[in-house]
């Protein structure tokens, strides 16, 4: 009665446990092997989607950068003429104008201006804050100085110029002077629109024309308003005193407000014309009557 055939308590249970664990491991391994192809395919699809998204994002970013650079280029190209043109007029003012710090003692060196441009006929000045302070030229037509500065450089600022139909000595009953209205700059005649407001006109009623003969003409505003580009306000020839008086009445009626200043058949008028920036067939017209000559 040996003990070799005897089984120790619990030994069979441990073997069953070992078998069951190995079975589970084999089953899990089979499951992983079965799932591996699907996981591979899914992983590949995810990588493909991620790559496509990265390409799309990169493309969108490149397009956005290109649009930004192009827009910036257009903006710079639009603003450069305003900067160069404004700088040119600043230099002309420094060259030809002398004035005290408070604006008194204002004088113009017409010899210097005529040396730069023989078309020079006058200088126009408004009191601050209008910031209108420019030489005036006159050409054989009314187109040349729309795109040419006083120094005859091609520039969208153009120049302040007299109507070709007028006499250069301001002897006409109505003398018309043109200048651009600029949406992104206060230069040229952009500040004329300040006179749409009656209170502003009351505070700054006058502007001044300096001529090469040494005279200073003071004009007092009597009409300010928007008119059609072909309106009767642009007439310069009048067959009689009565016709001129009718013209004066037309100008007063087109004004935003009424100014208590005398204008009659013996008066001389300067009409300053600029675009409104709204419609191509509209103009803002500021008109002053001669009230003093020094």
C-alpha atoms as a PDB file:
ATOM      1  CA  UNK A   1       0.000   0.000   0.000  1.00  0.00           C
ATOM      2  CA  UNK A   2       2.236   2.492  -1.297  1.00  0.00           C
ATOM      3  CA  UNK A   3       1.420   6.089  -1.691  1.00  0.00           C
ATOM      4  CA  UNK A   4       2.490   6.612  -5.387  1.00  0.00           C
ATOM      5  CA  UNK A   5      -1.059   6.353  -6.701  1.00  0.00           C
ATOM      6  CA  UNK A   6      -2.520   8.687  -4.206  1.00  0.00           C
ATOM      7  CA  UNK A   7      -3.720  12.189  -5.344  1.00  0.00           C
ATOM      8  CA  UNK A   8      -3.049  15.174  -3.179  1.00  0.00           C
ATOM      9  CA  UNK A   9      -6.058  17.185  -2.231  1.00  0.00           C
ATOM     10  CA  UNK A  10      -6.679  20.158  -4.514  1.00  0.00           C
ATOM     11  CA  UNK A  11      -4.254  19.144  -7.288  1.00  0.00           C
ATOM     12  CA  UNK A  12      -6.949  18.432  -9.902  1.00  0.00           C
ATOM     13  CA  UNK A  13      -8.651  21.769  -9.237  1.00  0.00           C
ATOM     14  CA  UNK A  14      -5.394  23.664  -9.879  1.00  0.00           C
ATOM     15  CA  UNK A  15      -4.840  21.862 -13.161  1.00  0.00           C
ATOM     16  CA  UNK A  16      -8.380  22.728 -14.247  1.00  0.00           C
ATOM     17  CA  UNK A  17      -7.676  26.329 -13.364  1.00  0.00           C
ATOM     18  CA  UNK A  18      -4.433  26.296 -15.377  1.00  0.00           C
ATOM     19  CA  UNK A  19      -6.259  24.759 -18.337  1.00  0.00           C
ATOM     20  CA  UNK A  20      -9.066  27.290 -18.172  1.00  0.00           C
ATOM     21  CA  UNK A  21      -6.614  30.191 -18.103  1.00  0.00           C
ATOM     22  CA  UNK A  22      -4.700  28.880 -21.102  1.00  0.00           C
ATOM     23  CA  UNK A  23      -7.964  28.296 -22.906  1.00  0.00           C
ATOM     24  CA  UNK A  24      -9.024  31.864 -22.235  1.00  0.00           C
ATOM     25  CA  UNK A  25      -5.681  33.146 -23.438  1.00  0.00           C
ATOM     26  CA  UNK A  26      -5.970  31.144 -26.657  1.00  0.00           C
ATOM     27  CA  UNK A  27      -9.506  32.401 -27.177  1.00  0.00           C
ATOM     28  CA  UNK A  28      -8.458  35.991 -26.572  1.00  0.00           C
ATOM     29  CA  UNK A  29      -5.542  35.565 -28.967  1.00  0.00           C
ATOM     30  CA  UNK A  30      -7.893  34.183 -31.606  1.00  0.00           C
ATOM     31  CA  UNK A  31     -10.243  37.113 -31.053  1.00  0.00           C
ATOM     32  CA  UNK A  32      -7.389  39.582 -31.444  1.00  0.00           C
ATOM     33  CA  UNK A  33      -6.193  37.827 -34.569  1.00  0.00           C
ATOM     34  CA  UNK A  34      -9.728  37.894 -35.952  1.00  0.00           C
ATOM     35  CA  UNK A  35     -10.118  41.613 -35.132  1.00  0.00           C
ATOM     36  CA  UNK A  36      -6.642  42.585 -36.361  1.00  0.00           C
ATOM     37  CA  UNK A  37      -7.603  42.884 -40.071  1.00  0.00           C
ATOM     38  CA  UNK A  38     -10.583  45.151 -39.229  1.00  0.00           C
ATOM     39  CA  UNK A  39      -8.484  47.267 -36.875  1.00  0.00           C
ATOM     40  CA  UNK A  40      -5.836  47.573 -39.569  1.00  0.00           C
ATOM     41  CA  UNK A  41      -8.381  48.651 -42.130  1.00  0.00           C
ATOM     42  CA  UNK A  42      -9.971  51.139 -39.690  1.00  0.00           C
ATOM     43  CA  UNK A  43      -6.572  52.524 -38.722  1.00  0.00           C
ATOM     44  CA  UNK A  44      -5.653  52.929 -42.355  1.00  0.00           C
ATOM     45  CA  UNK A  45      -8.914  54.759 -43.040  1.00  0.00           C
ATOM     46  CA  UNK A  46      -8.316  57.075 -40.073  1.00  0.00           C
ATOM     47  CA  UNK A  47      -4.807  57.862 -41.307  1.00  0.00           C
ATOM     48  CA  UNK A  48      -6.162  58.573 -44.788  1.00  0.00           C
ATOM     49  CA  UNK A  49      -8.843  60.886 -43.394  1.00  0.00           C
ATOM     50  CA  UNK A  50      -6.298  62.670 -41.206  1.00  0.00           C
ATOM     51  CA  UNK A  51      -3.971  63.135 -44.185  1.00  0.00           C
ATOM     52  CA  UNK A  52      -6.831  64.471 -46.332  1.00  0.00           C
ATOM     53  CA  UNK A  53      -7.834  66.880 -43.544  1.00  0.00           C
ATOM     54  CA  UNK A  54      -4.236  68.085 -43.192  1.00  0.00           C
ATOM     55  CA  UNK A  55      -4.015  68.712 -46.943  1.00  0.00           C
ATOM     56  CA  UNK A  56      -7.333  70.570 -46.955  1.00  0.00           C
ATOM     57  CA  UNK A  57      -6.331  72.658 -43.932  1.00  0.00           C
ATOM     58  CA  UNK A  58      -2.994  73.492 -45.500  1.00  0.00           C
ATOM     59  CA  UNK A  59      -4.657  74.453 -48.771  1.00  0.00           C
ATOM     60  CA  UNK A  60      -7.172  76.707 -46.999  1.00  0.00           C
ATOM     61  CA  UNK A  61      -4.358  78.334 -45.030  1.00  0.00           C
ATOM     62  CA  UNK A  62      -2.299  78.966 -48.175  1.00  0.00           C
ATOM     63  CA  UNK A  63      -5.321  80.452 -49.973  1.00  0.00           C
ATOM     64  CA  UNK A  64      -6.098  82.669 -46.970  1.00  0.00           C
ATOM     65  CA  UNK A  65      -2.508  83.923 -46.834  1.00  0.00           C
ATOM     66  CA  UNK A  66      -2.550  84.632 -50.576  1.00  0.00           C
ATOM     67  CA  UNK A  67      -5.820  86.568 -50.280  1.00  0.00           C
ATOM     68  CA  UNK A  68      -4.446  88.567 -47.354  1.00  0.00           C
ATOM     69  CA  UNK A  69      -1.197  89.400 -49.174  1.00  0.00           C
ATOM     70  CA  UNK A  70      -3.077  90.411 -52.332  1.00  0.00           C
ATOM     71  CA  UNK A  71      -5.523  92.566 -50.348  1.00  0.00           C
ATOM     72  CA  UNK A  72      -2.645  94.193 -48.493  1.00  0.00           C
ATOM     73  CA  UNK A  73      -0.918  94.883 -51.807  1.00  0.00           C
ATOM     74  CA  UNK A  74      -4.056  96.483 -53.225  1.00  0.00           C
ATOM     75  CA  UNK A  75      -4.477  98.612 -50.099  1.00  0.00           C
ATOM     76  CA  UNK A  76      -0.868  99.797 -50.262  1.00  0.00           C
ATOM     77  CA  UNK A  77      -1.157 100.570 -53.975  1.00  0.00           C
ATOM     78  CA  UNK A  78      -4.324 102.555 -53.278  1.00  0.00           C
ATOM     79  CA  UNK A  79      -2.817 104.566 -50.417  1.00  0.00           C
ATOM     80  CA  UNK A  80       0.614 105.265 -51.903  1.00  0.00           C
ATOM     81  CA  UNK A  81      -0.633 107.980 -54.322  1.00  0.00           C
ATOM     82  CA  UNK A  82      -2.380 109.788 -51.466  1.00  0.00           C
ATOM     83  CA  UNK A  83       0.804 109.732 -49.426  1.00  0.00           C
ATOM     84  CA  UNK A  84       3.120 110.836 -52.236  1.00  0.00           C
ATOM     85  CA  UNK A  85       0.667 113.453 -53.473  1.00  0.00           C
ATOM     86  CA  UNK A  86       0.109 114.858 -49.999  1.00  0.00           C
ATOM     87  CA  UNK A  87       3.857 114.987 -49.391  1.00  0.00           C
ATOM     88  CA  UNK A  88       4.339 116.865 -52.656  1.00  0.00           C
ATOM     89  CA  UNK A  89       1.826 119.541 -51.682  1.00  0.00           C
ATOM     90  CA  UNK A  90       3.380 119.853 -48.238  1.00  0.00           C
ATOM     91  CA  UNK A  91       6.726 120.545 -49.913  1.00  0.00           C
ATOM     92  CA  UNK A  92       5.123 123.137 -52.200  1.00  0.00           C
ATOM     93  CA  UNK A  93       3.605 124.906 -49.204  1.00  0.00           C
ATOM     94  CA  UNK A  94       6.968 124.937 -47.451  1.00  0.00           C
ATOM     95  CA  UNK A  95       8.600 126.346 -50.568  1.00  0.00           C
ATOM     96  CA  UNK A  96       6.113 129.049 -51.541  1.00  0.00           C
ATOM     97  CA  UNK A  97       4.200 130.086 -48.422  1.00  0.00           C
ATOM     98  CA  UNK A  98       5.234 132.252 -45.503  1.00  0.00           C
ATOM     99  CA  UNK A  99       3.006 132.810 -42.477  1.00  0.00           C
ATOM    100  CA  UNK A 100       3.241 133.461 -38.779  1.00  0.00           C
ATOM    101  CA  UNK A 101       2.483 130.697 -36.326  1.00  0.00           C
ATOM    102  CA  UNK A 102      -1.106 131.916 -35.883  1.00  0.00           C
ATOM    103  CA  UNK A 103      -1.680 132.119 -39.658  1.00  0.00           C
ATOM    104  CA  UNK A 104      -1.291 135.875 -39.925  1.00  0.00           C
ATOM    105  CA  UNK A 105       1.131 137.494 -42.353  1.00  0.00           C
ATOM    106  CA  UNK A 106       0.259 134.894 -44.997  1.00  0.00           C
ATOM    107  CA  UNK A 107       2.089 135.472 -48.294  1.00  0.00           C
ATOM    108  CA  UNK A 108       2.788 133.459 -51.439  1.00  0.00           C
ATOM    109  CA  UNK A 109       5.958 133.360 -53.532  1.00  0.00           C
ATOM    110  CA  UNK A 110       4.431 133.171 -57.009  1.00  0.00           C
ATOM    111  CA  UNK A 111       7.835 133.335 -58.696  1.00  0.00           C
ATOM    112  CA  UNK A 112       8.695 130.000 -57.103  1.00  0.00           C
ATOM    113  CA  UNK A 113       5.323 128.539 -58.097  1.00  0.00           C
ATOM    114  CA  UNK A 114       5.536 129.758 -61.695  1.00  0.00           C
ATOM    115  CA  UNK A 115       8.989 128.232 -61.976  1.00  0.00           C
ATOM    116  CA  UNK A 116       7.495 124.855 -61.075  1.00  0.00           C
ATOM    117  CA  UNK A 117       4.328 125.255 -63.145  1.00  0.00           C
ATOM    118  CA  UNK A 118       3.637 128.114 -65.599  1.00  0.00           C
ATOM    119  CA  UNK A 119      -0.093 127.321 -65.365  1.00  0.00           C
ATOM    120  CA  UNK A 120      -0.193 128.873 -61.875  1.00  0.00           C
ATOM    121  CA  UNK A 121      -2.859 131.586 -61.552  1.00  0.00           C
ATOM    122  CA  UNK A 122      -3.630 131.822 -57.812  1.00  0.00           C
ATOM    123  CA  UNK A 123      -3.495 130.339 -54.334  1.00  0.00           C
ATOM    124  CA  UNK A 124      -6.620 129.421 -52.353  1.00  0.00           C
ATOM    125  CA  UNK A 125      -6.705 129.321 -48.563  1.00  0.00           C
ATOM    126  CA  UNK A 126      -9.303 128.586 -45.910  1.00  0.00           C
ATOM    127  CA  UNK A 127      -8.929 129.272 -42.216  1.00  0.00           C
ATOM    128  CA  UNK A 128      -8.388 126.210 -40.052  1.00  0.00           C
ATOM    129  CA  UNK A 129      -9.788 123.601 -39.576  1.00  0.00           C
ATOM    130  CA  UNK A 130     -10.731 123.349 -43.247  1.00  0.00           C
ATOM    131  CA  UNK A 131      -7.106 122.521 -44.199  1.00  0.00           C
ATOM    132  CA  UNK A 132      -7.592 123.846 -47.739  1.00  0.00           C
ATOM    133  CA  UNK A 133      -4.354 125.558 -48.720  1.00  0.00           C
ATOM    134  CA  UNK A 134      -3.276 124.984 -52.323  1.00  0.00           C
ATOM    135  CA  UNK A 135      -2.013 126.574 -55.527  1.00  0.00           C
ATOM    136  CA  UNK A 136      -4.575 127.012 -58.315  1.00  0.00           C
ATOM    137  CA  UNK A 137      -3.806 126.262 -61.955  1.00  0.00           C
ATOM    138  CA  UNK A 138      -5.616 126.630 -65.248  1.00  0.00           C
ATOM    139  CA  UNK A 139      -5.262 124.476 -68.347  1.00  0.00           C
ATOM    140  CA  UNK A 140      -6.584 124.518 -71.894  1.00  0.00           C
ATOM    141  CA  UNK A 141      -9.129 121.886 -70.837  1.00  0.00           C
ATOM    142  CA  UNK A 142     -10.862 120.676 -67.680  1.00  0.00           C
ATOM    143  CA  UNK A 143      -9.386 117.172 -67.743  1.00  0.00           C
ATOM    144  CA  UNK A 144      -5.617 117.572 -67.484  1.00  0.00           C
ATOM    145  CA  UNK A 145      -5.445 118.341 -63.776  1.00  0.00           C
ATOM    146  CA  UNK A 146      -7.949 115.709 -62.750  1.00  0.00           C
ATOM    147  CA  UNK A 147      -5.065 113.209 -62.659  1.00  0.00           C
ATOM    148  CA  UNK A 148      -2.019 115.471 -62.577  1.00  0.00           C
ATOM    149  CA  UNK A 149      -0.616 117.283 -59.552  1.00  0.00           C
ATOM    150  CA  UNK A 150       0.594 120.865 -59.440  1.00  0.00           C
ATOM    151  CA  UNK A 151       4.116 119.607 -60.180  1.00  0.00           C
ATOM    152  CA  UNK A 152       2.620 117.762 -63.164  1.00  0.00           C
ATOM    153  CA  UNK A 153       3.093 114.286 -61.739  1.00  0.00           C
ATOM    154  CA  UNK A 154       0.508 111.617 -62.511  1.00  0.00           C
ATOM    155  CA  UNK A 155      -1.484 111.177 -59.323  1.00  0.00           C
ATOM    156  CA  UNK A 156      -5.137 110.641 -58.405  1.00  0.00           C
ATOM    157  CA  UNK A 157      -5.046 113.695 -56.108  1.00  0.00           C
ATOM    158  CA  UNK A 158      -4.899 115.906 -59.182  1.00  0.00           C
ATOM    159  CA  UNK A 159      -4.722 119.660 -58.617  1.00  0.00           C
ATOM    160  CA  UNK A 160      -6.998 122.568 -57.764  1.00  0.00           C
ATOM    161  CA  UNK A 161      -7.850 124.146 -61.111  1.00  0.00           C
ATOM    162  CA  UNK A 162      -9.977 126.900 -62.620  1.00  0.00           C
ATOM    163  CA  UNK A 163     -12.603 126.235 -65.273  1.00  0.00           C
ATOM    164  CA  UNK A 164     -11.069 126.688 -68.719  1.00  0.00           C
ATOM    165  CA  UNK A 165     -13.920 129.061 -69.679  1.00  0.00           C
ATOM    166  CA  UNK A 166     -13.040 131.610 -67.004  1.00  0.00           C
ATOM    167  CA  UNK A 167     -10.648 134.546 -67.122  1.00  0.00           C
ATOM    168  CA  UNK A 168      -7.545 133.894 -65.029  1.00  0.00           C
ATOM    169  CA  UNK A 169      -7.805 137.255 -63.235  1.00  0.00           C
ATOM    170  CA  UNK A 170     -11.094 136.410 -61.435  1.00  0.00           C
ATOM    171  CA  UNK A 171     -12.905 139.209 -63.272  1.00  0.00           C
ATOM    172  CA  UNK A 172     -15.912 137.061 -64.281  1.00  0.00           C
ATOM    173  CA  UNK A 173     -19.218 137.253 -62.494  1.00  0.00           C
ATOM    174  CA  UNK A 174     -18.861 133.574 -61.645  1.00  0.00           C
ATOM    175  CA  UNK A 175     -15.469 131.866 -61.511  1.00  0.00           C
ATOM    176  CA  UNK A 176     -15.491 128.092 -60.998  1.00  0.00           C
ATOM    177  CA  UNK A 177     -12.669 126.174 -59.298  1.00  0.00           C
ATOM    178  CA  UNK A 178     -12.561 122.379 -59.113  1.00  0.00           C
ATOM    179  CA  UNK A 179     -10.887 119.934 -56.729  1.00  0.00           C
ATOM    180  CA  UNK A 180     -11.243 116.276 -55.814  1.00  0.00           C
ATOM    181  CA  UNK A 181     -13.145 114.875 -52.869  1.00  0.00           C
ATOM    182  CA  UNK A 182     -11.115 111.937 -51.482  1.00  0.00           C
ATOM    183  CA  UNK A 183     -12.796 109.284 -49.350  1.00  0.00           C
ATOM    184  CA  UNK A 184      -9.585 108.234 -47.571  1.00  0.00           C
ATOM    185  CA  UNK A 185      -7.821 111.576 -47.318  1.00  0.00           C
ATOM    186  CA  UNK A 186      -8.607 115.132 -46.125  1.00  0.00           C
ATOM    187  CA  UNK A 187      -6.557 116.599 -48.983  1.00  0.00           C
ATOM    188  CA  UNK A 188      -7.683 118.813 -51.868  1.00  0.00           C
ATOM    189  CA  UNK A 189     -11.394 119.803 -51.594  1.00  0.00           C
ATOM    190  CA  UNK A 190     -12.398 116.948 -49.269  1.00  0.00           C
ATOM    191  CA  UNK A 191     -13.020 119.392 -46.407  1.00  0.00           C
ATOM    192  CA  UNK A 192     -15.483 121.506 -48.395  1.00  0.00           C
ATOM    193  CA  UNK A 193     -18.174 119.186 -47.068  1.00  0.00           C
ATOM    194  CA  UNK A 194     -17.725 120.709 -43.634  1.00  0.00           C
ATOM    195  CA  UNK A 195     -19.808 123.569 -45.012  1.00  0.00           C
ATOM    196  CA  UNK A 196     -22.862 121.354 -45.270  1.00  0.00           C
ATOM    197  CA  UNK A 197     -23.329 122.389 -41.634  1.00  0.00           C
ATOM    198  CA  UNK A 198     -24.688 125.923 -41.123  1.00  0.00           C
ATOM    199  CA  UNK A 199     -22.997 126.320 -37.749  1.00  0.00           C
ATOM    200  CA  UNK A 200     -19.606 125.546 -39.258  1.00  0.00           C
ATOM    201  CA  UNK A 201     -20.209 128.139 -41.966  1.00  0.00           C
ATOM    202  CA  UNK A 202     -21.118 130.740 -39.355  1.00  0.00           C
ATOM    203  CA  UNK A 203     -17.867 130.063 -37.502  1.00  0.00           C
ATOM    204  CA  UNK A 204     -15.730 130.061 -40.696  1.00  0.00           C
ATOM    205  CA  UNK A 205     -17.559 132.227 -43.259  1.00  0.00           C
ATOM    206  CA  UNK A 206     -14.610 133.338 -45.430  1.00  0.00           C
ATOM    207  CA  UNK A 207     -11.984 131.987 -47.790  1.00  0.00           C
ATOM    208  CA  UNK A 208      -9.178 133.792 -49.589  1.00  0.00           C
ATOM    209  CA  UNK A 209      -7.744 133.943 -53.098  1.00  0.00           C
ATOM    210  CA  UNK A 210      -4.162 135.210 -53.556  1.00  0.00           C
ATOM    211  CA  UNK A 211      -3.060 136.248 -57.062  1.00  0.00           C
ATOM    212  CA  UNK A 212       0.332 137.026 -58.659  1.00  0.00           C
ATOM    213  CA  UNK A 213      -0.552 140.744 -58.825  1.00  0.00           C
ATOM    214  CA  UNK A 214      -0.235 140.852 -55.048  1.00  0.00           C
ATOM    215  CA  UNK A 215      -3.957 141.122 -54.328  1.00  0.00           C
ATOM    216  CA  UNK A 216      -5.811 139.174 -51.663  1.00  0.00           C
ATOM    217  CA  UNK A 217      -9.507 138.621 -52.363  1.00  0.00           C
ATOM    218  CA  UNK A 218     -11.817 137.694 -49.517  1.00  0.00           C
ATOM    219  CA  UNK A 219     -14.956 135.712 -50.360  1.00  0.00           C
ATOM    220  CA  UNK A 220     -17.827 135.154 -47.942  1.00  0.00           C
ATOM    221  CA  UNK A 221     -19.857 131.951 -48.316  1.00  0.00           C
ATOM    222  CA  UNK A 222     -23.483 132.532 -49.313  1.00  0.00           C
ATOM    223  CA  UNK A 223     -24.488 129.109 -50.695  1.00  0.00           C
ATOM    224  CA  UNK A 224     -23.545 125.497 -49.934  1.00  0.00           C
ATOM    225  CA  UNK A 225     -25.364 122.426 -51.208  1.00  0.00           C
ATOM    226  CA  UNK A 226     -25.478 119.380 -53.453  1.00  0.00           C
ATOM    227  CA  UNK A 227     -26.402 120.030 -57.088  1.00  0.00           C
ATOM    228  CA  UNK A 228     -26.440 118.095 -60.339  1.00  0.00           C
ATOM    229  CA  UNK A 229     -23.196 118.206 -62.306  1.00  0.00           C
ATOM    230  CA  UNK A 230     -25.037 119.881 -65.194  1.00  0.00           C
ATOM    231  CA  UNK A 231     -27.105 122.287 -63.072  1.00  0.00           C
ATOM    232  CA  UNK A 232     -27.521 125.968 -63.925  1.00  0.00           C
ATOM    233  CA  UNK A 233     -25.279 126.698 -60.915  1.00  0.00           C
ATOM    234  CA  UNK A 234     -22.335 126.096 -63.281  1.00  0.00           C
ATOM    235  CA  UNK A 235     -23.242 128.933 -65.647  1.00  0.00           C
ATOM    236  CA  UNK A 236     -20.554 131.572 -66.088  1.00  0.00           C
ATOM    237  CA  UNK A 237     -22.007 133.787 -68.823  1.00  0.00           C
ATOM    238  CA  UNK A 238     -25.012 136.049 -68.268  1.00  0.00           C
ATOM    239  CA  UNK A 239     -26.648 138.218 -70.899  1.00  0.00           C
ATOM    240  CA  UNK A 240     -27.942 140.821 -68.433  1.00  0.00           C
ATOM    241  CA  UNK A 241     -28.064 141.900 -64.811  1.00  0.00           C
ATOM    242  CA  UNK A 242     -31.517 140.372 -64.524  1.00  0.00           C
ATOM    243  CA  UNK A 243     -30.232 137.014 -65.732  1.00  0.00           C
ATOM    244  CA  UNK A 244     -27.398 137.133 -63.220  1.00  0.00           C
ATOM    245  CA  UNK A 245     -29.833 138.006 -60.412  1.00  0.00           C
ATOM    246  CA  UNK A 246     -31.947 135.001 -61.409  1.00  0.00           C
ATOM    247  CA  UNK A 247     -28.813 132.891 -61.240  1.00  0.00           C
ATOM    248  CA  UNK A 248     -28.067 134.162 -57.721  1.00  0.00           C
ATOM    249  CA  UNK A 249     -31.584 133.162 -56.674  1.00  0.00           C
ATOM    250  CA  UNK A 250     -31.043 129.652 -58.092  1.00  0.00           C
ATOM    251  CA  UNK A 251     -27.859 129.343 -56.019  1.00  0.00           C
ATOM    252  CA  UNK A 252     -29.565 130.487 -52.822  1.00  0.00           C
ATOM    253  CA  UNK A 253     -32.424 128.038 -53.363  1.00  0.00           C
ATOM    254  CA  UNK A 254     -30.019 125.115 -53.786  1.00  0.00           C
ATOM    255  CA  UNK A 255     -28.175 125.979 -50.554  1.00  0.00           C
ATOM    256  CA  UNK A 256     -28.592 123.934 -47.378  1.00  0.00           C
ATOM    257  CA  UNK A 257     -29.153 127.176 -45.465  1.00  0.00           C
ATOM    258  CA  UNK A 258     -29.488 130.904 -46.012  1.00  0.00           C
ATOM    259  CA  UNK A 259     -26.642 133.308 -45.232  1.00  0.00           C
ATOM    260  CA  UNK A 260     -27.206 136.995 -44.527  1.00  0.00           C
ATOM    261  CA  UNK A 261     -24.700 138.416 -46.995  1.00  0.00           C
ATOM    262  CA  UNK A 262     -25.433 140.749 -49.894  1.00  0.00           C
ATOM    263  CA  UNK A 263     -25.181 139.324 -53.403  1.00  0.00           C
ATOM    264  CA  UNK A 264     -26.477 141.405 -56.322  1.00  0.00           C
ATOM    265  CA  UNK A 265     -25.968 142.162 -60.000  1.00  0.00           C
ATOM    266  CA  UNK A 266     -22.629 143.887 -59.306  1.00  0.00           C
ATOM    267  CA  UNK A 267     -21.220 140.976 -57.296  1.00  0.00           C
ATOM    268  CA  UNK A 268     -18.417 138.626 -58.270  1.00  0.00           C
ATOM    269  CA  UNK A 269     -18.681 135.010 -57.207  1.00  0.00           C
ATOM    270  CA  UNK A 270     -16.238 132.124 -56.834  1.00  0.00           C
ATOM    271  CA  UNK A 271     -17.824 128.656 -56.966  1.00  0.00           C
ATOM    272  CA  UNK A 272     -15.848 125.744 -55.509  1.00  0.00           C
ATOM    273  CA  UNK A 273     -16.928 122.370 -56.860  1.00  0.00           C
ATOM    274  CA  UNK A 274     -16.146 118.835 -55.715  1.00  0.00           C
ATOM    275  CA  UNK A 275     -17.645 115.345 -55.899  1.00  0.00           C
ATOM    276  CA  UNK A 276     -19.972 114.070 -53.200  1.00  0.00           C
ATOM    277  CA  UNK A 277     -18.585 110.531 -53.162  1.00  0.00           C
ATOM    278  CA  UNK A 278     -22.140 109.173 -53.464  1.00  0.00           C
ATOM    279  CA  UNK A 279     -23.311 109.649 -57.049  1.00  0.00           C
ATOM    280  CA  UNK A 280     -21.340 110.357 -60.204  1.00  0.00           C
ATOM    281  CA  UNK A 281     -23.778 113.030 -61.367  1.00  0.00           C
ATOM    282  CA  UNK A 282     -23.783 114.972 -58.081  1.00  0.00           C
ATOM    283  CA  UNK A 283     -21.473 117.744 -56.910  1.00  0.00           C
ATOM    284  CA  UNK A 284     -21.090 119.681 -53.706  1.00  0.00           C
ATOM    285  CA  UNK A 285     -20.929 123.361 -54.587  1.00  0.00           C
ATOM    286  CA  UNK A 286     -19.670 126.005 -52.160  1.00  0.00           C
ATOM    287  CA  UNK A 287     -20.094 129.577 -53.380  1.00  0.00           C
ATOM    288  CA  UNK A 288     -18.636 132.755 -51.984  1.00  0.00           C
ATOM    289  CA  UNK A 289     -19.195 136.395 -52.934  1.00  0.00           C
ATOM    290  CA  UNK A 290     -16.303 138.858 -53.104  1.00  0.00           C
ATOM    291  CA  UNK A 291     -16.477 141.060 -50.008  1.00  0.00           C
ATOM    292  CA  UNK A 292     -12.982 142.578 -49.852  1.00  0.00           C
ATOM    293  CA  UNK A 293      -9.837 143.122 -51.946  1.00  0.00           C
ATOM    294  CA  UNK A 294      -6.538 144.002 -50.264  1.00  0.00           C
END
